[in-house]
N, C-alpha and C. Protein backbone atom coordinates (compact mmCIF):
# COMPACT_ATOMS: atom_id res chain seq x y z
N MET A 1 11.94 3.60 27.12
CA MET A 1 11.01 2.54 27.48
C MET A 1 10.08 2.27 26.29
N ILE A 2 9.94 1.00 25.94
CA ILE A 2 9.08 0.60 24.83
C ILE A 2 7.73 0.17 25.40
N THR A 3 6.68 0.60 24.77
CA THR A 3 5.34 0.25 25.23
C THR A 3 4.53 -0.42 24.12
N GLU A 4 3.64 -1.30 24.50
CA GLU A 4 2.80 -1.99 23.52
C GLU A 4 1.60 -1.16 23.11
N ASN A 5 1.43 0.00 23.65
CA ASN A 5 0.25 0.82 23.36
C ASN A 5 0.35 1.59 22.05
N ILE A 6 1.37 1.29 21.25
CA ILE A 6 1.53 1.95 19.97
C ILE A 6 0.53 1.34 18.99
N ILE A 7 -0.30 2.18 18.40
CA ILE A 7 -1.29 1.70 17.43
C ILE A 7 -0.89 2.23 16.05
N ILE A 8 -0.67 1.29 15.13
CA ILE A 8 -0.27 1.65 13.78
C ILE A 8 -1.50 1.51 12.88
N THR A 9 -1.85 2.59 12.20
CA THR A 9 -2.99 2.57 11.28
C THR A 9 -2.50 2.81 9.87
N LEU A 10 -2.73 1.83 9.01
CA LEU A 10 -2.34 1.97 7.61
C LEU A 10 -3.46 2.67 6.85
N PRO A 11 -3.12 3.54 5.90
CA PRO A 11 -4.16 4.22 5.13
C PRO A 11 -4.91 3.24 4.23
N ASP A 12 -6.17 3.51 4.02
CA ASP A 12 -6.99 2.70 3.13
C ASP A 12 -6.48 2.85 1.70
N ILE A 13 -6.27 1.74 1.01
CA ILE A 13 -5.79 1.82 -0.36
C ILE A 13 -6.78 1.21 -1.35
N SER A 14 -8.05 1.25 -1.00
CA SER A 14 -9.06 0.81 -1.97
C SER A 14 -9.26 1.93 -2.98
N PHE A 15 -9.76 1.57 -4.15
CA PHE A 15 -9.89 2.55 -5.24
C PHE A 15 -11.32 2.63 -5.72
N ASP A 16 -11.83 3.85 -5.82
CA ASP A 16 -13.18 4.12 -6.34
C ASP A 16 -12.99 4.91 -7.62
N ASP A 17 -13.48 4.39 -8.74
CA ASP A 17 -13.21 5.05 -10.02
C ASP A 17 -14.31 6.02 -10.47
N LYS A 18 -15.09 6.57 -9.55
CA LYS A 18 -16.12 7.56 -9.93
C LYS A 18 -15.49 8.81 -10.54
N ASP A 19 -14.67 9.49 -9.80
CA ASP A 19 -13.94 10.65 -10.31
C ASP A 19 -12.49 10.20 -10.47
N PHE A 20 -12.22 9.55 -11.60
CA PHE A 20 -10.99 8.80 -11.81
C PHE A 20 -9.73 9.60 -11.50
N SER A 21 -9.56 10.77 -12.10
CA SER A 21 -8.30 11.50 -11.93
C SER A 21 -8.07 11.95 -10.49
N GLN A 22 -9.12 12.45 -9.84
CA GLN A 22 -8.99 12.88 -8.44
C GLN A 22 -8.73 11.69 -7.53
N ASN A 23 -9.47 10.61 -7.73
CA ASN A 23 -9.31 9.43 -6.88
C ASN A 23 -7.97 8.74 -7.13
N LEU A 24 -7.47 8.80 -8.36
CA LEU A 24 -6.18 8.19 -8.65
C LEU A 24 -5.07 8.93 -7.89
N MET A 25 -5.15 10.24 -7.86
CA MET A 25 -4.16 11.03 -7.12
C MET A 25 -4.24 10.72 -5.63
N GLN A 26 -5.45 10.64 -5.08
CA GLN A 26 -5.62 10.30 -3.67
C GLN A 26 -5.09 8.89 -3.37
N LEU A 27 -5.34 7.95 -4.29
CA LEU A 27 -4.83 6.60 -4.12
C LEU A 27 -3.30 6.62 -4.09
N TYR A 28 -2.70 7.37 -5.00
CA TYR A 28 -1.25 7.46 -5.05
C TYR A 28 -0.69 8.03 -3.74
N ILE A 29 -1.32 9.05 -3.22
CA ILE A 29 -0.89 9.65 -1.95
C ILE A 29 -1.01 8.64 -0.81
N ARG A 30 -2.15 7.92 -0.76
CA ARG A 30 -2.35 6.92 0.31
C ARG A 30 -1.36 5.76 0.18
N CYS A 31 -1.09 5.33 -1.05
CA CYS A 31 -0.11 4.25 -1.25
C CYS A 31 1.28 4.70 -0.83
N THR A 32 1.64 5.92 -1.15
CA THR A 32 2.94 6.46 -0.74
C THR A 32 3.04 6.51 0.78
N LEU A 33 1.99 7.00 1.43
CA LEU A 33 1.97 7.02 2.89
C LEU A 33 2.06 5.59 3.45
N GLY A 34 1.34 4.67 2.82
CA GLY A 34 1.38 3.27 3.26
C GLY A 34 2.77 2.68 3.18
N THR A 35 3.53 3.03 2.13
CA THR A 35 4.89 2.51 2.02
C THR A 35 5.80 3.07 3.11
N ARG A 36 5.44 4.22 3.63
CA ARG A 36 6.25 4.82 4.70
C ARG A 36 5.87 4.29 6.09
N VAL A 37 4.61 3.98 6.28
CA VAL A 37 4.13 3.49 7.58
C VAL A 37 4.34 1.98 7.72
N PHE A 38 4.35 1.28 6.61
CA PHE A 38 4.43 -0.19 6.62
C PHE A 38 5.61 -0.74 7.43
N PRO A 39 6.84 -0.21 7.25
CA PRO A 39 7.96 -0.74 8.05
C PRO A 39 7.74 -0.59 9.56
N VAL A 40 7.06 0.47 9.97
CA VAL A 40 6.77 0.67 11.40
C VAL A 40 5.81 -0.42 11.89
N LEU A 41 4.83 -0.75 11.06
CA LEU A 41 3.89 -1.83 11.42
C LEU A 41 4.64 -3.15 11.60
N ILE A 42 5.54 -3.46 10.68
CA ILE A 42 6.31 -4.70 10.76
C ILE A 42 7.20 -4.70 12.01
N LYS A 43 7.89 -3.60 12.24
CA LYS A 43 8.75 -3.50 13.43
C LYS A 43 7.93 -3.69 14.71
N ASN A 44 6.76 -3.09 14.76
CA ASN A 44 5.88 -3.23 15.92
C ASN A 44 5.41 -4.68 16.07
N ALA A 45 5.06 -5.32 14.96
CA ALA A 45 4.60 -6.71 15.02
C ALA A 45 5.70 -7.64 15.51
N VAL A 46 6.93 -7.41 15.07
CA VAL A 46 8.07 -8.24 15.49
C VAL A 46 8.39 -8.00 16.96
N THR A 47 8.43 -6.74 17.34
CA THR A 47 8.79 -6.39 18.72
C THR A 47 7.80 -6.95 19.73
N PHE A 48 6.51 -6.80 19.45
CA PHE A 48 5.49 -7.19 20.42
C PHE A 48 4.80 -8.50 20.10
N LYS A 49 5.26 -9.17 19.01
CA LYS A 49 4.71 -10.47 18.62
C LYS A 49 3.18 -10.45 18.57
N ASN A 50 2.65 -9.44 17.88
CA ASN A 50 1.20 -9.33 17.78
C ASN A 50 0.70 -9.94 16.47
N ASP A 51 -0.57 -9.79 16.19
CA ASP A 51 -1.20 -10.45 15.05
C ASP A 51 -1.25 -9.58 13.79
N ASP A 52 -0.37 -8.61 13.67
CA ASP A 52 -0.39 -7.72 12.51
C ASP A 52 0.25 -8.33 11.27
N PHE A 53 0.87 -9.50 11.38
CA PHE A 53 1.55 -10.08 10.22
C PHE A 53 0.58 -10.40 9.08
N GLU A 54 -0.57 -10.97 9.39
CA GLU A 54 -1.54 -11.31 8.34
C GLU A 54 -2.04 -10.02 7.67
N LYS A 55 -2.36 -9.02 8.47
CA LYS A 55 -2.79 -7.73 7.94
C LYS A 55 -1.68 -7.12 7.08
N ALA A 56 -0.45 -7.23 7.53
CA ALA A 56 0.69 -6.69 6.79
C ALA A 56 0.89 -7.41 5.46
N GLN A 57 0.72 -8.70 5.46
CA GLN A 57 0.90 -9.47 4.22
C GLN A 57 -0.14 -9.07 3.17
N ILE A 58 -1.37 -8.93 3.58
CA ILE A 58 -2.44 -8.52 2.66
C ILE A 58 -2.18 -7.10 2.16
N TYR A 59 -1.81 -6.22 3.05
CA TYR A 59 -1.54 -4.83 2.69
C TYR A 59 -0.37 -4.73 1.72
N PHE A 60 0.70 -5.47 2.01
CA PHE A 60 1.86 -5.45 1.13
C PHE A 60 1.51 -5.97 -0.26
N THR A 61 0.73 -7.03 -0.32
CA THR A 61 0.30 -7.58 -1.62
C THR A 61 -0.49 -6.55 -2.40
N ASN A 62 -1.40 -5.84 -1.74
CA ASN A 62 -2.18 -4.80 -2.41
C ASN A 62 -1.30 -3.66 -2.89
N LEU A 63 -0.37 -3.22 -2.05
CA LEU A 63 0.56 -2.16 -2.46
C LEU A 63 1.38 -2.62 -3.67
N TYR A 64 1.90 -3.81 -3.59
CA TYR A 64 2.71 -4.34 -4.69
C TYR A 64 1.90 -4.36 -5.99
N ASN A 65 0.67 -4.81 -5.91
CA ASN A 65 -0.18 -4.87 -7.10
C ASN A 65 -0.45 -3.49 -7.69
N TYR A 66 -0.68 -2.50 -6.85
CA TYR A 66 -0.93 -1.14 -7.35
C TYR A 66 0.32 -0.56 -8.04
N PHE A 67 1.49 -0.85 -7.50
CA PHE A 67 2.70 -0.28 -8.06
C PHE A 67 3.29 -1.12 -9.20
N ASN A 68 2.77 -2.32 -9.40
CA ASN A 68 3.38 -3.22 -10.37
C ASN A 68 2.35 -3.88 -11.29
N ILE A 69 1.24 -3.25 -11.57
CA ILE A 69 0.22 -3.85 -12.42
C ILE A 69 0.72 -3.89 -13.86
N LYS A 70 0.76 -5.07 -14.40
CA LYS A 70 1.14 -5.26 -15.79
C LYS A 70 0.38 -6.48 -16.30
N PRO A 71 -0.59 -6.27 -17.18
CA PRO A 71 -1.37 -7.41 -17.67
C PRO A 71 -0.50 -8.46 -18.35
N ILE A 72 -0.92 -9.71 -18.26
CA ILE A 72 -0.23 -10.81 -18.92
C ILE A 72 -0.26 -10.58 -20.44
N LYS A 73 0.79 -10.95 -21.12
CA LYS A 73 0.91 -10.82 -22.57
C LYS A 73 0.83 -9.37 -23.04
N SER A 74 1.37 -8.46 -22.26
CA SER A 74 1.35 -7.06 -22.64
C SER A 74 2.70 -6.43 -22.29
N GLU A 75 3.17 -5.59 -23.15
CA GLU A 75 4.40 -4.86 -22.88
C GLU A 75 4.13 -3.52 -22.23
N LYS A 76 2.85 -3.10 -22.19
CA LYS A 76 2.50 -1.83 -21.58
C LYS A 76 2.59 -1.93 -20.06
N ASP A 77 3.03 -0.87 -19.43
CA ASP A 77 3.10 -0.79 -17.98
C ASP A 77 1.90 0.01 -17.50
N TYR A 78 0.99 -0.64 -16.78
CA TYR A 78 -0.23 0.02 -16.31
C TYR A 78 -0.13 0.42 -14.84
N SER A 79 1.04 0.35 -14.25
CA SER A 79 1.17 0.69 -12.83
C SER A 79 0.96 2.18 -12.63
N ILE A 80 0.66 2.58 -11.41
CA ILE A 80 0.40 3.99 -11.13
C ILE A 80 1.67 4.82 -11.17
N THR A 81 2.83 4.17 -11.22
CA THR A 81 4.08 4.90 -11.29
C THR A 81 4.69 4.89 -12.69
N SER A 82 3.95 4.40 -13.65
CA SER A 82 4.45 4.31 -15.02
C SER A 82 4.70 5.69 -15.60
N SER A 83 5.80 5.84 -16.30
CA SER A 83 6.08 7.10 -16.96
C SER A 83 5.58 7.10 -18.41
N LYS A 84 5.13 5.93 -18.87
CA LYS A 84 4.62 5.82 -20.23
C LYS A 84 3.17 6.25 -20.28
N PRO A 85 2.76 6.92 -21.35
CA PRO A 85 1.33 7.28 -21.47
C PRO A 85 0.49 6.03 -21.63
N LYS A 86 -0.71 6.09 -21.09
CA LYS A 86 -1.62 4.94 -21.15
C LYS A 86 -2.43 4.97 -22.43
């Protein structure tokens, strides 16, 4: 039996650069968790036709930007998954 009482909570993926190295690791962990929970949010939104699509679109855009940051006119990869030294 499927129920609408399923509540999907995505982890916060905002970044605070006070303690850069510690916060960067926490951001990476939260982004990874977000990529795992995100499909469940979409499935829930489709199944129950709720209003999570707008929230999902914003969240996906933020996740994409964190994993794919590359400044214009630059060959350097500044994403959090880059294997190149910064």
